[in-house]
Amino acid sequence: MSKSSLILLLPALLIFGCKAGKNYRGTEIQVPEAFYFEEEAVIPNEFAVSTDTLSREGIADYEWFALFGDPVLDTLITQTLNYNQDLLIAAEAIVQAQDGFVAQRAAMLPTIGVEGGATRGNFQGLLLPETQNLFYTGAFANWEIDFWGKFRRLNEAARARIVQSEEGYRATRLSLMGAVATQYFLLLEYHMRLEISERNLALRDSTLQLIEQRYARGIVAEIDVNQAQIKRAVAAETVPLWKRLIAQTEHRISVLTGSNPRRIDLDLGLMAQDTAVVIPPGLPSELLLRRPDITAAEQNLIAQNALVGAAKANRLPSISLTGLLGLASNDLSTLTDGPLAWNAGASILGPLFNFGRLQRAVDIEESRRRQAELVYERTVLDAFRSVEDALVEISTLKEELTARKQRLDASLNAQYLSGERYDRGVTSYLEFLESQRQAFESELNYAGVRRELLTAYVKLWTALGGGW
């Protein structure tokens, strides 16, 4: 390399080669080898992983709701992603962060402007022997050289804020999709409960009519009529309850989809939804990249690390270049006739005594960096906890659903048999009523557990950051 090339390269190295503070090199975090409830409740070993060694290769979001093959659910989620106001608000946050980055990056460039003016007096930088006029116009430039990397650190922080806002958008998106699915499955449960209640009401209506006929013939006592009336009223009370909850759930779903409250026509019922979803095993370390809240927390740490460097750069001298090119005259009519007026200069400004103010600013930013690191660690722990909670919920709800189905089958058969026995006069009416109550309760409980299992799949998908 020639001497002239070195001379040209040296200023560039001086201007852009220094950066106050440390570069972000990832964060070391303890992660388990596997989700312990996925591994038959054996608590796995932990190992340390640095976030700068992780790769997004092979990680992709999965539209889990397609597993259920429910066109109504698909449509509702699509409407939510297109029209929900919270998601649109989160999208505007990305735009603001991008504009903020552009504005921050512009601070590294020279400030160029124009000015003009007129003055009259006997002092224009020095005392004049007589009063004079001065007219001037021109362009000026000022450039603070980023010698210590202050602006580049601020650019790093602004760039991290963009990614953080993008992850905030993704977190809102996941949350809304999960909320729509949760409310949708709740709507299916309420419809099933309404169907069960109306069927039970019709059964108790016919039973009451039969008992009243038998009472009129003197076959049964009046107490049997009263018991039948009570059971019929109990069944009648539940019907408006489920109708009310159905309407309110439809209203919540409508708002999530960005529309006014409306009725939602269903296609597949609760019993048609698949509850045997196969969940492939995953690596807990992938959670550090999948979860938007974890990525956002790390971006906040990256931004705060950059702000530490910017605060350290504020303690060092700043170097600025200035220039002015224009026209000046003592007479407005001859302003353009004279030679060009110009000046160029450089200045260095450094803090000397500020009674520890700048050092305290560095200490504050370093403390905020430690806070951001602790927030990141807490976010990771909470993410692992939510996944484990969802896994144990799915596993135990599957067992509970099996038991509920056995109880439901037995109670429906018992209801039939006790009805037959009562008709033949073998058993009391109270036994028949009790078997009806148990069958009604078993059907409602089974619907509830089935919906809880579907919701648990939603929780797991959300906890895994949108895929498995």
Foldseek 3Di string as FASTA:
>chain_A
DDPVVCVVVVVVCQQPVAFFFDADDFDKFKDFFFQCVVVVNDGGDIDIDGPNPDDCPPPDFDPVVVQQVFVLLVVLLVLLCVAAPVLVVLVVQLVVLVVVLVVLVCLQDKDKDKDWDKDWQQDDPHGHPDIFIKTKIWMKIKGWRNSNCLSVLQSLLSVLSSLLSVLVSLLVSLVLSLVLLLLVLVLLLLVLLLVLLVVLLVVLVVVLVVVVVCVVVVNDDVVLNVVSVVSNVVSVVVNVVSVVVNQVSQQVSQNSSNHGRDHRDGDDHLVSGDLPDDDDTDGLVCLCVQRSVLSSLVSNLSSLSSVLRSLVVLQAKIKMKMKIWIFMDRDPVCRPVDDIDMDIDMDIDHDDDDPCPSVVVSVVSVVVSVVSVVVSNVVSVVLSVLLSVLSVQLVVLVVVLVVLVVQLVVLVVQLVVVVVCVVVVNDDSVSNSVSSVSNSVSSSVSSVSSSSSSSSVSSNCSSSNRHD
